Amino acid sequence: MGCLYVVATPIGNLEDVSLRALRVLSEVSLVAAEDTRTASVFLRRHGLKPRTVSYTDHNKSERIPLLLQRLAEGDVALVSDAGTPAISDPGVELVAAARAAGFEVVTIPGPSAVVAALSVAGLRSNQFRFAGFMPRVQGEARRLLEESASRPETLVAFEAPGRLRKTLALIAEVLPGRRMAVCRELTKLHEETFVGTAAEALAHFESPRGEIVLVIEGSNAPAAPAADESAVLKDVIEMKRLGLTRSQAQALIESRHGMGRRRFYELWIAAETHTE
């Protein structure tokens, strides 16, 4: 019974690979790669010639049964296009399927664009959250940034070069003055990390190119204390009794208690049983 090795590969500089990763890649019977061409360049650079098979978001449904069959015969390595597999890529489904089928899954840690960006940004990183790629829909991107306005965690996200200026303009609007870093082409020849506000970054990046990681510092404001839900429920019941609409009550509850819309709605429904 084989083992699925989840192997981190370089995000740019081909020298950024561990000795353990090279040994494992030389020993497995098959390497499942998000991009076999990219993987072949890397493998040849280190004198390795294992058999490769493509594993992408488009063919994962047909590839997973094949790879599980190969795992029954021997070890298989999973590599992404760059960095650590199963982080914002289709590798997560293969890892889950291998575990469900009873195969051992072992990590071979190494390069990660998220960690690399945090390490050079010089921003608080004791707490951070990774959002994957910034939402392409403007409204969703705005909501993500608005949520970050009062949260202490630093936000890390990928962005395409063609969308960077639009995203920076939105960040400048929603989070003016907030420190951030734009990390471009990490570990590659034209690596660049710009630290400043979104407005300053917008002025700096006129024609951005390459792969980009955004690091947006979290809020310095202390976290608001949790609302006393029994007190909130009493307020909601009283507002219902006085005939306030749900939107009017929500505005007052948010002002008084800092409670979010979803939890307020749940209490608004719960209050029905107390006013019937």
Foldseek 3Di string as FASTA:
>chain_A
DAEEEFAAAAPAPLVFHDPVSLVVQQPWQEEEECDVVLVVVSQVVVPHDHHYDYDFPVCPVVVLVVVLVVRVVYYYYYYYSHGTPPDLGPVVVSVVSCVVVPHHYHYDHTGDPQVLLVVPQPADAPAADEDEAQDPDPVSNLVVLLVQAAFQHKYKYKYAQVCLLVSLVSQCVRPNFWKKWKWFPPPHPPTDIDIGHSVVVNVVCPRDDHIIMMITGGDPDDDDDAFPVVVLLVQLLVCVVVPDDLVVSVVVCCVVGVDDPVVSVVSNVVSVVVND
